[in-house]
């Protein structure tokens, strides 16, 4: 017996992507009208606790959490460039132990130069 969960939710949509960074782009794009990019949170996509616990904080102000890895993915860079004009504060969840100084500097450069 198989369960067809989607039949119980006629107005569902799938948020898809080739990896977690592309899914983050898809999610952010779909809900961009409901997100306030003034304060944007950055969390590692390599380990989930920072993003998971940070979600409660970000939700209080309808702020996005953008995922990064050891390098800045093209998908995350797309989000940053698209919303750079709205970003006034960047909050890195987990600090430099989770997100490298190099990635933080690249993010700052994108936000400041767009």
C-alpha atoms as a PDB file:
ATOM      1  CA  UNK A   1       0.000   0.000   0.000  1.00  0.00           C
ATOM      2  CA  UNK A   2       1.400   3.432  -0.897  1.00  0.00           C
ATOM      3  CA  UNK A   3       0.529   6.755   0.640  1.00  0.00           C
ATOM      4  CA  UNK A   4      -0.180   9.609  -1.728  1.00  0.00           C
ATOM      5  CA  UNK A   5       0.329  12.495   0.657  1.00  0.00           C
ATOM      6  CA  UNK A   6      -0.140  15.135  -2.012  1.00  0.00           C
ATOM      7  CA  UNK A   7      -3.777  14.112  -2.512  1.00  0.00           C
ATOM      8  CA  UNK A   8      -4.492  15.470   0.982  1.00  0.00           C
ATOM      9  CA  UNK A   9      -3.078  18.903   0.100  1.00  0.00           C
ATOM     10  CA  UNK A  10      -4.538  20.181  -3.162  1.00  0.00           C
ATOM     11  CA  UNK A  11      -2.697  23.543  -3.026  1.00  0.00           C
ATOM     12  CA  UNK A  12       0.816  22.288  -2.325  1.00  0.00           C
ATOM     13  CA  UNK A  13       3.935  23.276  -4.214  1.00  0.00           C
ATOM     14  CA  UNK A  14       7.345  21.686  -4.324  1.00  0.00           C
ATOM     15  CA  UNK A  15      10.439  23.701  -3.490  1.00  0.00           C
ATOM     16  CA  UNK A  16      13.139  21.966  -5.478  1.00  0.00           C
ATOM     17  CA  UNK A  17      16.766  22.384  -6.402  1.00  0.00           C
ATOM     18  CA  UNK A  18      19.808  20.340  -7.273  1.00  0.00           C
ATOM     19  CA  UNK A  19      21.296  20.916  -3.804  1.00  0.00           C
ATOM     20  CA  UNK A  20      20.522  22.735  -0.537  1.00  0.00           C
ATOM     21  CA  UNK A  21      21.887  26.021  -1.893  1.00  0.00           C
ATOM     22  CA  UNK A  22      19.644  25.951  -4.955  1.00  0.00           C
ATOM     23  CA  UNK A  23      16.670  24.977  -2.746  1.00  0.00           C
ATOM     24  CA  UNK A  24      17.547  27.963  -0.527  1.00  0.00           C
ATOM     25  CA  UNK A  25      17.438  30.168  -3.662  1.00  0.00           C
ATOM     26  CA  UNK A  26      14.094  28.646  -4.690  1.00  0.00           C
ATOM     27  CA  UNK A  27      12.583  29.142  -1.227  1.00  0.00           C
ATOM     28  CA  UNK A  28      13.855  32.704  -0.978  1.00  0.00           C
ATOM     29  CA  UNK A  29      12.573  33.527  -4.460  1.00  0.00           C
ATOM     30  CA  UNK A  30       9.125  32.071  -3.840  1.00  0.00           C
ATOM     31  CA  UNK A  31       8.694  33.920  -0.546  1.00  0.00           C
ATOM     32  CA  UNK A  32      10.686  37.089  -1.361  1.00  0.00           C
ATOM     33  CA  UNK A  33       7.583  39.307  -1.075  1.00  0.00           C
ATOM     34  CA  UNK A  34       7.060  38.039   2.469  1.00  0.00           C
ATOM     35  CA  UNK A  35      10.695  38.298   3.582  1.00  0.00           C
ATOM     36  CA  UNK A  36      12.362  41.386   5.002  1.00  0.00           C
ATOM     37  CA  UNK A  37      15.995  41.443   3.873  1.00  0.00           C
ATOM     38  CA  UNK A  38      16.933  44.379   6.122  1.00  0.00           C
ATOM     39  CA  UNK A  39      18.573  41.904   8.493  1.00  0.00           C
ATOM     40  CA  UNK A  40      19.819  38.850   6.633  1.00  0.00           C
ATOM     41  CA  UNK A  41      21.144  35.821   8.461  1.00  0.00           C
ATOM     42  CA  UNK A  42      23.990  33.685   7.129  1.00  0.00           C
ATOM     43  CA  UNK A  43      24.425  30.071   8.243  1.00  0.00           C
ATOM     44  CA  UNK A  44      26.544  27.167   7.170  1.00  0.00           C
ATOM     45  CA  UNK A  45      24.853  24.659   4.913  1.00  0.00           C
ATOM     46  CA  UNK A  46      27.383  22.041   5.993  1.00  0.00           C
ATOM     47  CA  UNK A  47      25.878  21.516   9.440  1.00  0.00           C
ATOM     48  CA  UNK A  48      22.268  22.131  10.394  1.00  0.00           C
ATOM     49  CA  UNK A  49      22.118  23.336  14.059  1.00  0.00           C
ATOM     50  CA  UNK A  50      22.937  26.998  13.415  1.00  0.00           C
ATOM     51  CA  UNK A  51      20.353  27.387  10.651  1.00  0.00           C
ATOM     52  CA  UNK A  52      17.765  25.372  12.542  1.00  0.00           C
ATOM     53  CA  UNK A  53      18.009  27.346  15.770  1.00  0.00           C
ATOM     54  CA  UNK A  54      18.502  30.607  13.881  1.00  0.00           C
ATOM     55  CA  UNK A  55      15.214  30.055  12.056  1.00  0.00           C
ATOM     56  CA  UNK A  56      13.272  30.955  15.210  1.00  0.00           C
ATOM     57  CA  UNK A  57      15.199  34.225  15.508  1.00  0.00           C
ATOM     58  CA  UNK A  58      14.894  35.067  11.808  1.00  0.00           C
ATOM     59  CA  UNK A  59      11.164  34.308  11.823  1.00  0.00           C
ATOM     60  CA  UNK A  60      10.544  37.036  14.396  1.00  0.00           C
ATOM     61  CA  UNK A  61      11.379  39.667  11.787  1.00  0.00           C
ATOM     62  CA  UNK A  62      10.514  37.660   8.651  1.00  0.00           C
ATOM     63  CA  UNK A  63      14.218  37.670   7.789  1.00  0.00           C
ATOM     64  CA  UNK A  64      15.822  35.149   5.460  1.00  0.00           C
ATOM     65  CA  UNK A  65      18.578  32.695   6.321  1.00  0.00           C
ATOM     66  CA  UNK A  66      21.026  32.208   3.480  1.00  0.00           C
ATOM     67  CA  UNK A  67      23.122  29.066   3.400  1.00  0.00           C
ATOM     68  CA  UNK A  68      26.827  29.073   2.619  1.00  0.00           C
ATOM     69  CA  UNK A  69      29.476  26.392   2.431  1.00  0.00           C
ATOM     70  CA  UNK A  70      33.244  26.553   2.444  1.00  0.00           C
ATOM     71  CA  UNK A  71      32.808  28.698  -0.653  1.00  0.00           C
ATOM     72  CA  UNK A  72      29.992  31.019  -1.648  1.00  0.00           C
ATOM     73  CA  UNK A  73      27.693  29.096  -3.985  1.00  0.00           C
ATOM     74  CA  UNK A  74      26.461  30.783  -7.171  1.00  0.00           C
ATOM     75  CA  UNK A  75      22.900  30.330  -5.876  1.00  0.00           C
ATOM     76  CA  UNK A  76      23.587  32.186  -2.633  1.00  0.00           C
ATOM     77  CA  UNK A  77      25.447  34.866  -4.557  1.00  0.00           C
ATOM     78  CA  UNK A  78      22.370  35.295  -6.777  1.00  0.00           C
ATOM     79  CA  UNK A  79      20.172  35.910  -3.724  1.00  0.00           C
ATOM     80  CA  UNK A  80      22.658  38.396  -2.272  1.00  0.00           C
ATOM     81  CA  UNK A  81      22.966  40.357  -5.514  1.00  0.00           C
ATOM     82  CA  UNK A  82      19.193  40.388  -6.013  1.00  0.00           C
ATOM     83  CA  UNK A  83      18.533  41.820  -2.538  1.00  0.00           C
ATOM     84  CA  UNK A  84      21.773  43.684  -1.741  1.00  0.00           C
ATOM     85  CA  UNK A  85      20.057  47.073  -1.799  1.00  0.00           C
ATOM     86  CA  UNK A  86      17.707  46.004   1.000  1.00  0.00           C
ATOM     87  CA  UNK A  87      20.312  44.415   3.279  1.00  0.00           C
ATOM     88  CA  UNK A  88      21.369  46.701   6.134  1.00  0.00           C
ATOM     89  CA  UNK A  89      22.644  44.093   8.633  1.00  0.00           C
ATOM     90  CA  UNK A  90      24.306  40.732   8.148  1.00  0.00           C
ATOM     91  CA  UNK A  91      24.167  38.302  11.061  1.00  0.00           C
ATOM     92  CA  UNK A  92      26.432  35.265  10.865  1.00  0.00           C
ATOM     93  CA  UNK A  93      25.074  32.331  12.849  1.00  0.00           C
ATOM     94  CA  UNK A  94      27.823  30.310  14.492  1.00  0.00           C
ATOM     95  CA  UNK A  95      30.443  32.971  13.842  1.00  0.00           C
ATOM     96  CA  UNK A  96      33.775  32.347  12.152  1.00  0.00           C
ATOM     97  CA  UNK A  97      33.840  28.804  13.487  1.00  0.00           C
ATOM     98  CA  UNK A  98      30.945  27.992  11.173  1.00  0.00           C
ATOM     99  CA  UNK A  99      31.402  30.469   8.312  1.00  0.00           C
ATOM    100  CA  UNK A 100      34.903  31.329   7.157  1.00  0.00           C
ATOM    101  CA  UNK A 101      36.248  34.866   7.196  1.00  0.00           C
ATOM    102  CA  UNK A 102      36.817  34.583   3.436  1.00  0.00           C
ATOM    103  CA  UNK A 103      33.142  33.809   2.773  1.00  0.00           C
ATOM    104  CA  UNK A 104      32.031  36.597   5.128  1.00  0.00           C
ATOM    105  CA  UNK A 105      34.275  39.081   3.291  1.00  0.00           C
ATOM    106  CA  UNK A 106      32.875  37.986  -0.100  1.00  0.00           C
ATOM    107  CA  UNK A 107      29.329  38.460   1.198  1.00  0.00           C
ATOM    108  CA  UNK A 108      30.144  41.925   2.572  1.00  0.00           C
ATOM    109  CA  UNK A 109      31.718  42.936  -0.746  1.00  0.00           C
ATOM    110  CA  UNK A 110      28.632  41.862  -2.690  1.00  0.00           C
ATOM    111  CA  UNK A 111      26.255  43.706  -0.369  1.00  0.00           C
ATOM    112  CA  UNK A 112      28.369  46.869  -0.227  1.00  0.00           C
ATOM    113  CA  UNK A 113      29.026  47.050  -3.984  1.00  0.00           C
ATOM    114  CA  UNK A 114      25.497  46.450  -5.288  1.00  0.00           C
END
